[in-house]
Amino acid sequence: MRVLVVKLSSLGDVIQTLPVLADLHQHCPGATVDWAVEEAFAPLLSEVQGITRVLAIGERRWRRRPFSADVRAEKRAAAQRLREAAYDAVIDFQGLIKSALVARRARLTAAGHRYTYANRSELCGYEWPVRFMVDRPIAMERRVHAIRRYRLLAARALGYAIDGEPDRVDWRFAAPAPGHDVMFAHGTTRVDNEWPEAAWIALGRRLVAEGARIVLPQSGAAEAARVARISAAVGAGVEVLPPMRLDALARRMAACQGVIGVDSGVSHLAVALDLRHVQIFSQPRVWRAGPVGRAWQLPVGGDAVPNVDEVFAAWQRVCAARPTSLAR
């Protein structure tokens, strides 16, 4: 069986779709799984076991110059790659018109089908015309965690049942022994997901006083400015990372003892790497996007923005749940 996963964006949603791979390979032994994704996320998926081909789609970049000759050529090349193999199942996990169009360009075997959601789920992106753009729309629960929604779509499309919490994601690189570094996944594209800068500074000072080193990633001018202010305020015991691709960030994150972060793609990456993780929610989305199934991965906040004491207490709980000596 050959399956094409269509999940283009965003980073957090792509990462939360990864547990589908373990289900597919468990229930469909010998399956070949390809994945169509936005080009910025392709290097990260290339580091994931269980994906045979990563098909990079430049949709976000193409929208800026839709009629240029080079963009038209890139679109033709992408369409050709989608038709190089014939698929027994093409599953659109995004449920948007842009992803459904990608799914429709893929070539099917004589018995193959295209699948996506037949209806909207709460707090999940969905555009109703997509149910008419595939031949097998799948009914979905109205209120469901994002990871379970993705796993159920694949299970119902391919005729197997899921049981229990998602398995861990397998990576092509070996996870090093964790040190004393704690990464702050402070960046988010949503202002309502942010945690106050003063809180990051206070938390950083508390962790450094206990012997940790704070690692600060950055992407873009706004995050660079925030990182500079946090680093200056916390003082010694901070490592500021240069801007880096997601695959390099994943390798650096894997060397940390854990991550504290807001509800963001980088924060979800910590979950996929099976690290100790505290995920900060500033709005009531824990039921839909929070970490599940691991005592060393905890959400905090949701109904209200958590304070520093609450986040620090959650960090202490995840460290106790997974001692440093316990191998990942």
Foldseek 3Di string as FASTA:
>chain_A
DEEEEEDADDLQLVLLLQLLLVVCCVVPPPYAYAYEYAQLCQVVVVFFPRHDYYQHDPVVVCVVPVPDPVSVVVVVVSLVVLAPDAGQEYEYAQADPVSLVSSLSHHHDPNHWYEYACDEAPPGDHDNVSNVSTPYHDYDDNYAASSVRSNVRVCVVVPHDDDDDGDATHTNDDQDQADQEEEEAQDDPDPLQHADLVQLLVLLLVSVVVPHAYEYEDDDDVSVVSVVVSCVSSDPRYHYDYHDRPNVVLNVQSRHQYYEYTQHSVQSSRVNSVHQYEYWGAAQCCRHRADDDAQSGYYDDHPHGDGNVRRVVNNVRSCVSAPSPHDD
